[in-house]
Amino acid sequence: MRRRFHSIATLVVVLVLGCAFLQSAFEYTFGNEFIPEVEEELNWPNVDELTGLSPEEMNEIPGFPTTLEQGTFAHLQGAMNATGECSKSFVLEEFGEDDRVDNLVVTVTNCTGTSNCATKCQGYFGMLFEASIDLLLLDDAQSAELTKNLATLTPEAIVQIRMQIMVLELFQVEGTERKVVTGLVEDFGLFLHNQNGDEALVLKHAYLEKIAALGQNEETPQRFDVDGTSDFTKQLKEDVLSGEETQVTLALRMKVPQANLYELRIDGGGIAMKMQPEFILSVVDAVLGGD
């Protein structure tokens, strides 16, 4: 009887996965057929929005630009020095064209050796910068469709979660020219986390050049595993098979060295990204139901 069940289950998997199943006897990747690609530009808020200072207050800061079109990280640091603040955050609830992406939170930390920032800066001189967005991986309708087609799967059948990254670059607009300025920052990292505070590293700084060179070439896709042992990943596997809306937070963190603060603009700057979440299924586990 069990053998017959496995035969039926195998047939179900083949029908669900179609021709792609024939390409691999052991694994199947599902991505854009269920989970839409993420393509977005995150534009930094203006300097006045980040500092909360009025134009009159900014004019009183020595060296601060009279027009915010000239705003750099150095000017932001000057404003924070004047107010004595260690960190500032700015929230933009709606932005961009993709309605699956919202709640842009930008946090800057001023590292100048002062005691009030010592814990956060850990001896670093410059600025720490983080931008996070809430990303809707699956809405209710997409999740229902997914569980309808993959109803027999358990979280254990998802053996890997990864991100195919086509574009991930820091940019700024100077006049009519758009420049990639990723080289002005260091310790760049891409992370995913959930509402429970669980987090997983996706990408380190060292891979940014490779993405820039090869990421948009279909013959050289750049894919990065999400830590399979993390609590975040374990929870995400359960969430995508729950039949309910699935949301994660994508966080980009970087450091701006003191020497580069004047070169890196805030106004006219931001991060461009294009990526595709992918889930890898074990066909064997799918057929056996995790046994």
C-alpha atoms as a PDB file:
ATOM      1  CA  MET A   1       0.000   0.000   0.000  1.00  0.00           C
ATOM      2  CA  ARG A   2       2.826   2.381   0.875  1.00  0.00           C
ATOM      3  CA  ARG A   3       4.522   1.651  -2.468  1.00  0.00           C
ATOM      4  CA  ARG A   4       1.300   2.557  -4.245  1.00  0.00           C
ATOM      5  CA  PHE A   5       1.077   5.802  -2.261  1.00  0.00           C
ATOM      6  CA  HIS A   6       4.614   6.728  -3.239  1.00  0.00           C
ATOM      7  CA  SER A   7       3.818   6.060  -6.899  1.00  0.00           C
ATOM      8  CA  ILE A   8       0.788   8.319  -6.718  1.00  0.00           C
ATOM      9  CA  ALA A   9       2.795  10.969  -4.886  1.00  0.00           C
ATOM     10  CA  THR A  10       5.510  10.787  -7.532  1.00  0.00           C
ATOM     11  CA  LEU A  11       2.914  11.329 -10.240  1.00  0.00           C
ATOM     12  CA  VAL A  12       1.532  14.328  -8.358  1.00  0.00           C
ATOM     13  CA  VAL A  13       4.999  15.872  -8.109  1.00  0.00           C
ATOM     14  CA  VAL A  14       5.639  15.336 -11.823  1.00  0.00           C
ATOM     15  CA  LEU A  15       2.297  16.915 -12.714  1.00  0.00           C
ATOM     16  CA  VAL A  16       2.977  19.871 -10.451  1.00  0.00           C
ATOM     17  CA  LEU A  17       6.548  20.458 -11.536  1.00  0.00           C
ATOM     18  CA  GLY A  18       6.091  19.688 -15.215  1.00  0.00           C
ATOM     19  CA  CYS A  19       9.048  19.573 -17.572  1.00  0.00           C
ATOM     20  CA  ALA A  20      11.373  21.179 -15.060  1.00  0.00           C
ATOM     21  CA  PHE A  21      11.190  17.988 -13.010  1.00  0.00           C
ATOM     22  CA  LEU A  22      12.818  16.091 -15.857  1.00  0.00           C
ATOM     23  CA  GLN A  23      15.813  18.440 -15.743  1.00  0.00           C
ATOM     24  CA  SER A  24      16.782  17.242 -12.303  1.00  0.00           C
ATOM     25  CA  ALA A  25      15.957  13.972 -10.619  1.00  0.00           C
ATOM     26  CA  PHE A  26      16.467  15.357  -7.131  1.00  0.00           C
ATOM     27  CA  GLU A  27      15.773  19.106  -6.933  1.00  0.00           C
ATOM     28  CA  TYR A  28      13.343  21.663  -8.280  1.00  0.00           C
ATOM     29  CA  THR A  29      13.592  25.451  -8.080  1.00  0.00           C
ATOM     30  CA  PHE A  30      10.501  27.598  -7.817  1.00  0.00           C
ATOM     31  CA  GLY A  31      10.841  31.355  -8.047  1.00  0.00           C
ATOM     32  CA  ASN A  32       9.212  33.847 -10.382  1.00  0.00           C
ATOM     33  CA  GLU A  33       6.304  31.540 -11.241  1.00  0.00           C
ATOM     34  CA  PHE A  34       5.106  32.049  -7.658  1.00  0.00           C
ATOM     35  CA  ILE A  35       7.234  34.860  -6.204  1.00  0.00           C
ATOM     36  CA  PRO A  36       7.559  38.082  -8.243  1.00  0.00           C
ATOM     37  CA  GLU A  37      10.970  39.583  -8.936  1.00  0.00           C
ATOM     38  CA  VAL A  38      11.976  42.560  -6.796  1.00  0.00           C
ATOM     39  CA  GLU A  39      13.214  45.600  -8.724  1.00  0.00           C
ATOM     40  CA  GLU A  40      13.457  48.891  -6.861  1.00  0.00           C
ATOM     41  CA  GLU A  41      15.513  52.036  -6.336  1.00  0.00           C
ATOM     42  CA  LEU A  42      15.831  53.293  -2.779  1.00  0.00           C
ATOM     43  CA  ASN A  43      16.469  57.043  -2.874  1.00  0.00           C
ATOM     44  CA  TRP A  44      17.872  58.537   0.304  1.00  0.00           C
ATOM     45  CA  PRO A  45      15.750  61.172   2.065  1.00  0.00           C
ATOM     46  CA  ASN A  46      16.985  64.766   1.842  1.00  0.00           C
ATOM     47  CA  VAL A  47      19.490  65.983   4.404  1.00  0.00           C
ATOM     48  CA  ASP A  48      16.870  68.196   6.058  1.00  0.00           C
ATOM     49  CA  GLU A  49      14.545  65.196   6.413  1.00  0.00           C
ATOM     50  CA  LEU A  50      17.306  63.111   7.976  1.00  0.00           C
ATOM     51  CA  THR A  51      18.411  65.821  10.407  1.00  0.00           C
ATOM     52  CA  GLY A  52      15.033  67.363  11.192  1.00  0.00           C
ATOM     53  CA  LEU A  53      16.682  70.804  11.140  1.00  0.00           C
ATOM     54  CA  SER A  54      15.020  73.865   9.645  1.00  0.00           C
ATOM     55  CA  PRO A  55      16.802  75.829   6.847  1.00  0.00           C
ATOM     56  CA  GLU A  56      17.509  78.588   9.386  1.00  0.00           C
ATOM     57  CA  GLU A  57      19.144  76.139  11.790  1.00  0.00           C
ATOM     58  CA  MET A  58      21.216  74.590   8.997  1.00  0.00           C
ATOM     59  CA  ASN A  59      22.475  78.027   7.920  1.00  0.00           C
ATOM     60  CA  GLU A  60      23.951  78.437  11.393  1.00  0.00           C
ATOM     61  CA  ILE A  61      26.132  75.323  10.982  1.00  0.00           C
ATOM     62  CA  PRO A  62      29.609  76.274   9.676  1.00  0.00           C
ATOM     63  CA  GLY A  63      30.278  74.835   6.220  1.00  0.00           C
ATOM     64  CA  PHE A  64      26.741  73.563   5.696  1.00  0.00           C
ATOM     65  CA  PRO A  65      25.522  74.047   2.084  1.00  0.00           C
ATOM     66  CA  THR A  66      22.988  76.745   1.285  1.00  0.00           C
ATOM     67  CA  THR A  67      21.246  74.335  -1.088  1.00  0.00           C
ATOM     68  CA  LEU A  68      20.457  70.773  -0.102  1.00  0.00           C
ATOM     69  CA  GLU A  69      21.283  69.583  -3.608  1.00  0.00           C
ATOM     70  CA  GLN A  70      24.879  69.656  -2.373  1.00  0.00           C
ATOM     71  CA  GLY A  71      24.193  67.554   0.714  1.00  0.00           C
ATOM     72  CA  THR A  72      26.819  64.899   1.457  1.00  0.00           C
ATOM     73  CA  PHE A  73      27.448  62.530   4.331  1.00  0.00           C
ATOM     74  CA  ALA A  74      29.992  65.042   5.630  1.00  0.00           C
ATOM     75  CA  HIS A  75      27.276  67.694   5.888  1.00  0.00           C
ATOM     76  CA  LEU A  76      25.020  65.213   7.629  1.00  0.00           C
ATOM     77  CA  GLN A  77      27.806  64.479  10.091  1.00  0.00           C
ATOM     78  CA  GLY A  78      28.232  68.217  10.698  1.00  0.00           C
ATOM     79  CA  ALA A  79      24.544  68.582  11.456  1.00  0.00           C
ATOM     80  CA  MET A  80      24.618  65.647  13.870  1.00  0.00           C
ATOM     81  CA  ASN A  81      27.736  67.031  15.555  1.00  0.00           C
ATOM     82  CA  ALA A  82      25.878  70.311  16.072  1.00  0.00           C
ATOM     83  CA  THR A  83      22.901  68.595  17.694  1.00  0.00           C
ATOM     84  CA  GLY A  84      25.022  66.096  19.635  1.00  0.00           C
ATOM     85  CA  GLU A  85      23.051  63.149  18.294  1.00  0.00           C
ATOM     86  CA  CYS A  86      24.591  59.714  17.927  1.00  0.00           C
ATOM     87  CA  SER A  87      21.983  58.113  15.630  1.00  0.00           C
ATOM     88  CA  LYS A  88      19.007  59.273  13.614  1.00  0.00           C
ATOM     89  CA  SER A  89      16.297  57.323  11.795  1.00  0.00           C
ATOM     90  CA  PHE A  90      13.883  58.374   9.082  1.00  0.00           C
ATOM     91  CA  VAL A  91      10.816  56.404   7.994  1.00  0.00           C
ATOM     92  CA  LEU A  92       9.150  56.676   4.592  1.00  0.00           C
ATOM     93  CA  GLU A  93       6.034  54.502   4.506  1.00  0.00           C
ATOM     94  CA  GLU A  94       5.360  54.681   0.769  1.00  0.00           C
ATOM     95  CA  PHE A  95       7.879  55.027  -2.026  1.00  0.00           C
ATOM     96  CA  GLY A  96       8.807  53.618  -5.433  1.00  0.00           C
ATOM     97  CA  GLU A  97       6.594  51.862  -7.959  1.00  0.00           C
ATOM     98  CA  ASP A  98       6.409  48.379  -6.430  1.00  0.00           C
ATOM     99  CA  ASP A  99       3.503  48.184  -3.983  1.00  0.00           C
ATOM    100  CA  ARG A 100       5.007  45.028  -2.448  1.00  0.00           C
ATOM    101  CA  VAL A 101       7.830  47.142  -1.010  1.00  0.00           C
ATOM    102  CA  ASP A 102       7.173  49.705   1.712  1.00  0.00           C
ATOM    103  CA  ASN A 103       8.397  51.188   5.000  1.00  0.00           C
ATOM    104  CA  LEU A 104      11.841  52.423   4.027  1.00  0.00           C
ATOM    105  CA  VAL A 105      13.746  53.044   7.266  1.00  0.00           C
ATOM    106  CA  VAL A 106      17.088  54.848   7.004  1.00  0.00           C
ATOM    107  CA  THR A 107      19.324  54.938  10.089  1.00  0.00           C
ATOM    108  CA  VAL A 108      22.622  56.822  10.279  1.00  0.00           C
ATOM    109  CA  THR A 109      25.107  56.663  13.147  1.00  0.00           C
ATOM    110  CA  ASN A 110      27.766  59.324  13.609  1.00  0.00           C
ATOM    111  CA  CYS A 111      31.160  57.894  14.589  1.00  0.00           C
ATOM    112  CA  THR A 112      33.579  60.634  15.621  1.00  0.00           C
ATOM    113  CA  GLY A 113      35.077  59.111  18.752  1.00  0.00           C
ATOM    114  CA  THR A 114      32.580  60.623  21.194  1.00  0.00           C
ATOM    115  CA  SER A 115      31.617  58.589  24.235  1.00  0.00           C
ATOM    116  CA  ASN A 116      27.869  58.602  23.532  1.00  0.00           C
ATOM    117  CA  CYS A 117      28.412  56.594  20.320  1.00  0.00           C
ATOM    118  CA  ALA A 118      31.221  54.340  21.539  1.00  0.00           C
ATOM    119  CA  THR A 119      29.051  51.231  21.930  1.00  0.00           C
ATOM    120  CA  LYS A 120      27.620  51.469  18.413  1.00  0.00           C
ATOM    121  CA  CYS A 121      30.777  52.599  16.622  1.00  0.00           C
ATOM    122  CA  GLN A 122      33.281  50.234  18.263  1.00  0.00           C
ATOM    123  CA  GLY A 123      36.250  52.469  17.414  1.00  0.00           C
ATOM    124  CA  TYR A 124      35.156  53.143  13.812  1.00  0.00           C
ATOM    125  CA  PHE A 125      35.511  56.681  12.388  1.00  0.00           C
ATOM    126  CA  GLY A 126      33.031  57.812   9.756  1.00  0.00           C
ATOM    127  CA  MET A 127      29.344  56.935   9.565  1.00  0.00           C
ATOM    128  CA  LEU A 128      27.334  53.740   9.853  1.00  0.00           C
ATOM    129  CA  PHE A 129      24.384  53.512   7.492  1.00  0.00           C
ATOM    130  CA  GLU A 130      21.445  51.120   7.298  1.00  0.00           C
ATOM    131  CA  ALA A 131      18.441  51.070   4.976  1.00  0.00           C
ATOM    132  CA  SER A 132      15.693  48.513   5.482  1.00  0.00           C
ATOM    133  CA  ILE A 133      12.466  47.805   3.609  1.00  0.00           C
ATOM    134  CA  ASP A 134       9.532  45.503   4.211  1.00  0.00           C
ATOM    135  CA  LEU A 135       9.147  43.086   1.312  1.00  0.00           C
ATOM    136  CA  LEU A 136       5.945  41.179   0.614  1.00  0.00           C
ATOM    137  CA  LEU A 137       7.135  37.839  -0.768  1.00  0.00           C
ATOM    138  CA  LEU A 138       3.663  36.346  -1.164  1.00  0.00           C
ATOM    139  CA  ASP A 139       0.278  37.994  -0.841  1.00  0.00           C
ATOM    140  CA  ASP A 140      -2.764  35.992   0.256  1.00  0.00           C
ATOM    141  CA  ALA A 141      -3.741  35.002  -3.299  1.00  0.00           C
ATOM    142  CA  GLN A 142      -0.210  33.946  -4.286  1.00  0.00           C
ATOM    143  CA  SER A 143       0.248  31.989  -1.073  1.00  0.00           C
ATOM    144  CA  ALA A 144      -3.068  30.203  -1.582  1.00  0.00           C
ATOM    145  CA  GLU A 145      -2.066  29.289  -5.139  1.00  0.00           C
ATOM    146  CA  LEU A 146       1.307  28.020  -3.932  1.00  0.00           C
ATOM    147  CA  THR A 147      -0.128  25.799  -1.221  1.00  0.00           C
ATOM    148  CA  LYS A 148      -2.787  24.551  -3.628  1.00  0.00           C
ATOM    149  CA  ASN A 149      -0.111  23.325  -6.037  1.00  0.00           C
ATOM    150  CA  LEU A 150       2.312  22.130  -3.352  1.00  0.00           C
ATOM    151  CA  ALA A 151      -0.166  20.980  -0.718  1.00  0.00           C
ATOM    152  CA  THR A 152       1.738  17.794   0.171  1.00  0.00           C
ATOM    153  CA  LEU A 153       5.006  19.569   0.978  1.00  0.00           C
ATOM    154  CA  THR A 154       6.429  20.022   4.460  1.00  0.00           C
ATOM    155  CA  PRO A 155       8.996  22.695   5.434  1.00  0.00           C
ATOM    156  CA  GLU A 156      11.664  19.960   5.435  1.00  0.00           C
ATOM    157  CA  ALA A 157      11.182  19.549   1.678  1.00  0.00           C
ATOM    158  CA  ILE A 158      12.520  23.095   1.158  1.00  0.00           C
ATOM    159  CA  VAL A 159      16.219  22.322   1.308  1.00  0.00           C
ATOM    160  CA  GLN A 160      17.540  25.733   0.312  1.00  0.00           C
ATOM    161  CA  ILE A 161      16.457  29.380   0.098  1.00  0.00           C
ATOM    162  CA  ARG A 162      18.516  31.725  -2.022  1.00  0.00           C
ATOM    163  CA  MET A 163      18.479  35.079  -3.786  1.00  0.00           C
ATOM    164  CA  GLN A 164      19.428  35.532  -7.413  1.00  0.00           C
ATOM    165  CA  ILE A 165      20.813  39.072  -7.537  1.00  0.00           C
ATOM    166  CA  MET A 166      21.007  40.827 -10.889  1.00  0.00           C
ATOM    167  CA  VAL A 167      21.646  44.379  -9.650  1.00  0.00           C
ATOM    168  CA  LEU A 168      22.833  45.679  -6.281  1.00  0.00           C
ATOM    169  CA  GLU A 169      24.692  48.979  -6.410  1.00  0.00           C
ATOM    170  CA  LEU A 170      25.072  52.284  -4.635  1.00  0.00           C
ATOM    171  CA  PHE A 171      24.547  55.246  -6.981  1.00  0.00           C
ATOM    172  CA  GLN A 172      24.416  59.025  -7.015  1.00  0.00           C
ATOM    173  CA  VAL A 173      23.385  61.552  -9.656  1.00  0.00           C
ATOM    174  CA  GLU A 174      25.822  64.364 -10.405  1.00  0.00           C
ATOM    175  CA  GLY A 175      24.321  66.814 -12.882  1.00  0.00           C
ATOM    176  CA  THR A 176      23.045  64.665 -15.734  1.00  0.00           C
ATOM    177  CA  GLU A 177      25.377  61.761 -14.959  1.00  0.00           C
ATOM    178  CA  ARG A 178      24.527  58.777 -12.816  1.00  0.00           C
ATOM    179  CA  LYS A 179      27.558  57.211 -11.132  1.00  0.00           C
ATOM    180  CA  VAL A 180      28.019  53.909  -9.321  1.00  0.00           C
ATOM    181  CA  VAL A 181      29.776  54.732  -6.049  1.00  0.00           C
ATOM    182  CA  THR A 182      29.805  51.375  -4.281  1.00  0.00           C
ATOM    183  CA  GLY A 183      33.584  51.719  -3.952  1.00  0.00           C
ATOM    184  CA  LEU A 184      33.165  54.590  -1.478  1.00  0.00           C
ATOM    185  CA  VAL A 185      31.687  52.345   1.229  1.00  0.00           C
ATOM    186  CA  GLU A 186      32.992  49.315   3.103  1.00  0.00           C
ATOM    187  CA  ASP A 187      31.644  46.326   5.036  1.00  0.00           C
ATOM    188  CA  PHE A 188      28.483  46.262   2.911  1.00  0.00           C
ATOM    189  CA  GLY A 189      26.072  43.503   3.881  1.00  0.00           C
ATOM    190  CA  LEU A 190      22.636  42.319   2.762  1.00  0.00           C
ATOM    191  CA  PHE A 191      20.488  40.681   5.451  1.00  0.00           C
ATOM    192  CA  LEU A 192      16.966  39.309   5.812  1.00  0.00           C
ATOM    193  CA  HIS A 193      15.057  39.324   9.094  1.00  0.00           C
ATOM    194  CA  ASN A 194      11.540  38.810  10.416  1.00  0.00           C
ATOM    195  CA  GLN A 195       9.276  40.324  13.054  1.00  0.00           C
ATOM    196  CA  ASN A 196      10.649  37.929  15.685  1.00  0.00           C
ATOM    197  CA  GLY A 197      14.098  39.484  15.326  1.00  0.00           C
ATOM    198  CA  ASP A 198      15.582  36.412  13.600  1.00  0.00           C
ATOM    199  CA  GLU A 199      18.153  37.366  10.968  1.00  0.00           C
ATOM    200  CA  ALA A 200      20.213  35.728   8.221  1.00  0.00           C
ATOM    201  CA  LEU A 201      23.132  37.023   6.158  1.00  0.00           C
ATOM    202  CA  VAL A 202      22.656  36.849   2.386  1.00  0.00           C
ATOM    203  CA  LEU A 203      25.570  38.761   0.877  1.00  0.00           C
ATOM    204  CA  LYS A 204      28.919  40.233   1.899  1.00  0.00           C
ATOM    205  CA  HIS A 205      30.757  43.213   0.409  1.00  0.00           C
ATOM    206  CA  ALA A 206      33.268  41.075  -1.489  1.00  0.00           C
ATOM    207  CA  TYR A 207      30.637  39.921  -4.016  1.00  0.00           C
ATOM    208  CA  LEU A 208      29.405  43.350  -5.157  1.00  0.00           C
ATOM    209  CA  GLU A 209      31.945  43.641  -7.991  1.00  0.00           C
ATOM    210  CA  LYS A 210      31.026  40.197  -9.281  1.00  0.00           C
ATOM    211  CA  ILE A 211      27.340  41.113  -9.324  1.00  0.00           C
ATOM    212  CA  ALA A 212      28.137  44.327 -11.209  1.00  0.00           C
ATOM    213  CA  ALA A 213      30.106  42.406 -13.835  1.00  0.00           C
ATOM    214  CA  LEU A 214      27.994  39.254 -14.230  1.00  0.00           C
ATOM    215  CA  GLY A 215      24.655  39.701 -12.479  1.00  0.00           C
ATOM    216  CA  GLN A 216      22.569  40.637 -15.528  1.00  0.00           C
ATOM    217  CA  ASN A 217      24.064  37.998 -17.807  1.00  0.00           C
ATOM    218  CA  GLU A 218      21.647  35.057 -18.038  1.00  0.00           C
ATOM    219  CA  GLU A 219      24.590  32.702 -18.519  1.00  0.00           C
ATOM    220  CA  THR A 220      26.247  33.750 -15.253  1.00  0.00           C
ATOM    221  CA  PRO A 221      23.463  34.108 -12.655  1.00  0.00           C
ATOM    222  CA  GLN A 222      24.697  35.223  -9.248  1.00  0.00           C
ATOM    223  CA  ARG A 223      22.878  33.282  -6.539  1.00  0.00           C
ATOM    224  CA  PHE A 224      23.449  33.546  -2.799  1.00  0.00           C
ATOM    225  CA  ASP A 225      22.268  31.080  -0.172  1.00  0.00           C
ATOM    226  CA  VAL A 226      20.337  32.236   2.869  1.00  0.00           C
ATOM    227  CA  ASP A 227      21.826  30.521   5.939  1.00  0.00           C
ATOM    228  CA  GLY A 228      19.906  27.250   6.165  1.00  0.00           C
ATOM    229  CA  THR A 229      20.694  26.757   9.868  1.00  0.00           C
ATOM    230  CA  SER A 230      19.303  30.109  11.017  1.00  0.00           C
ATOM    231  CA  ASP A 231      16.034  30.509  12.908  1.00  0.00           C
ATOM    232  CA  PHE A 232      15.005  33.023  10.252  1.00  0.00           C
ATOM    233  CA  THR A 233      15.237  30.432   7.477  1.00  0.00           C
ATOM    234  CA  LYS A 234      13.418  27.770   9.475  1.00  0.00           C
ATOM    235  CA  GLN A 235      10.551  30.169  10.126  1.00  0.00           C
ATOM    236  CA  LEU A 236      10.426  31.342   6.494  1.00  0.00           C
ATOM    237  CA  LYS A 237      10.054  27.757   5.272  1.00  0.00           C
ATOM    238  CA  GLU A 238       6.979  27.380   7.450  1.00  0.00           C
ATOM    239  CA  ASP A 239       5.588  30.757   6.432  1.00  0.00           C
ATOM    240  CA  VAL A 240       5.716  30.190   2.655  1.00  0.00           C
ATOM    241  CA  LEU A 241       3.717  26.965   3.040  1.00  0.00           C
ATOM    242  CA  SER A 242       1.198  28.421   5.491  1.00  0.00           C
ATOM    243  CA  GLY A 243      -1.265  29.637   2.865  1.00  0.00           C
ATOM    244  CA  GLU A 244      -1.062  33.137   4.321  1.00  0.00           C
ATOM    245  CA  GLU A 245       0.689  36.377   3.432  1.00  0.00           C
ATOM    246  CA  THR A 246       4.476  36.154   3.832  1.00  0.00           C
ATOM    247  CA  GLN A 247       6.585  39.230   4.545  1.00  0.00           C
ATOM    248  CA  VAL A 248      10.275  39.728   5.361  1.00  0.00           C
ATOM    249  CA  THR A 249      12.480  42.743   6.011  1.00  0.00           C
ATOM    250  CA  LEU A 250      15.463  43.307   3.751  1.00  0.00           C
ATOM    251  CA  ALA A 251      18.298  45.271   5.383  1.00  0.00           C
ATOM    252  CA  LEU A 252      21.319  46.863   3.703  1.00  0.00           C
ATOM    253  CA  ARG A 253      24.170  47.890   6.014  1.00  0.00           C
ATOM    254  CA  MET A 254      27.405  49.652   5.225  1.00  0.00           C
ATOM    255  CA  LYS A 255      30.121  51.885   6.642  1.00  0.00           C
ATOM    256  CA  VAL A 256      31.284  55.173   5.123  1.00  0.00           C
ATOM    257  CA  PRO A 257      34.933  55.925   6.025  1.00  0.00           C
ATOM    258  CA  GLN A 258      35.649  59.422   7.346  1.00  0.00           C
ATOM    259  CA  ALA A 259      37.830  60.161   4.303  1.00  0.00           C
ATOM    260  CA  ASN A 260      34.939  59.463   1.889  1.00  0.00           C
ATOM    261  CA  LEU A 261      32.159  61.441   3.571  1.00  0.00           C
ATOM    262  CA  TYR A 262      32.479  64.471   1.265  1.00  0.00           C
ATOM    263  CA  GLU A 263      32.453  62.278  -1.855  1.00  0.00           C
ATOM    264  CA  LEU A 264      29.246  60.423  -1.045  1.00  0.00           C
ATOM    265  CA  ARG A 265      26.078  62.418  -1.699  1.00  0.00           C
ATOM    266  CA  ILE A 266      22.802  61.947   0.087  1.00  0.00           C
ATOM    267  CA  ASP A 267      20.613  64.073  -2.167  1.00  0.00           C
ATOM    268  CA  GLY A 268      20.418  62.346  -5.537  1.00  0.00           C
ATOM    269  CA  GLY A 269      21.834  59.131  -4.115  1.00  0.00           C
ATOM    270  CA  GLY A 270      20.481  55.723  -3.259  1.00  0.00           C
ATOM    271  CA  ILE A 271      20.666  51.979  -3.873  1.00  0.00           C
ATOM    272  CA  ALA A 272      19.397  50.131  -6.957  1.00  0.00           C
ATOM    273  CA  MET A 273      18.418  46.492  -6.623  1.00  0.00           C
ATOM    274  CA  LYS A 274      17.008  43.731  -8.766  1.00  0.00           C
ATOM    275  CA  MET A 275      16.673  40.268  -7.268  1.00  0.00           C
ATOM    276  CA  GLN A 276      14.637  37.078  -7.402  1.00  0.00           C
ATOM    277  CA  PRO A 277      13.894  34.971  -4.299  1.00  0.00           C
ATOM    278  CA  GLU A 278      14.140  31.237  -5.004  1.00  0.00           C
ATOM    279  CA  PHE A 279      13.190  28.132  -3.031  1.00  0.00           C
ATOM    280  CA  ILE A 280      14.812  24.764  -3.745  1.00  0.00           C
ATOM    281  CA  LEU A 281      12.701  21.648  -3.213  1.00  0.00           C
ATOM    282  CA  SER A 282      13.987  18.157  -2.582  1.00  0.00           C
ATOM    283  CA  VAL A 283      11.877  15.961  -4.847  1.00  0.00           C
ATOM    284  CA  VAL A 284      12.707  12.933  -2.696  1.00  0.00           C
ATOM    285  CA  ASP A 285      11.439  14.651   0.462  1.00  0.00           C
ATOM    286  CA  ALA A 286       8.402  15.911  -1.410  1.00  0.00           C
ATOM    287  CA  VAL A 287       7.513  12.381  -2.490  1.00  0.00           C
ATOM    288  CA  LEU A 288       8.205  10.784   0.891  1.00  0.00           C
ATOM    289  CA  GLY A 289       6.564  13.580   2.827  1.00  0.00           C
ATOM    290  CA  GLY A 290       9.644  14.115   4.993  1.00  0.00           C
ATOM    291  CA  ASP A 291       9.865  10.438   6.075  1.00  0.00           C
END
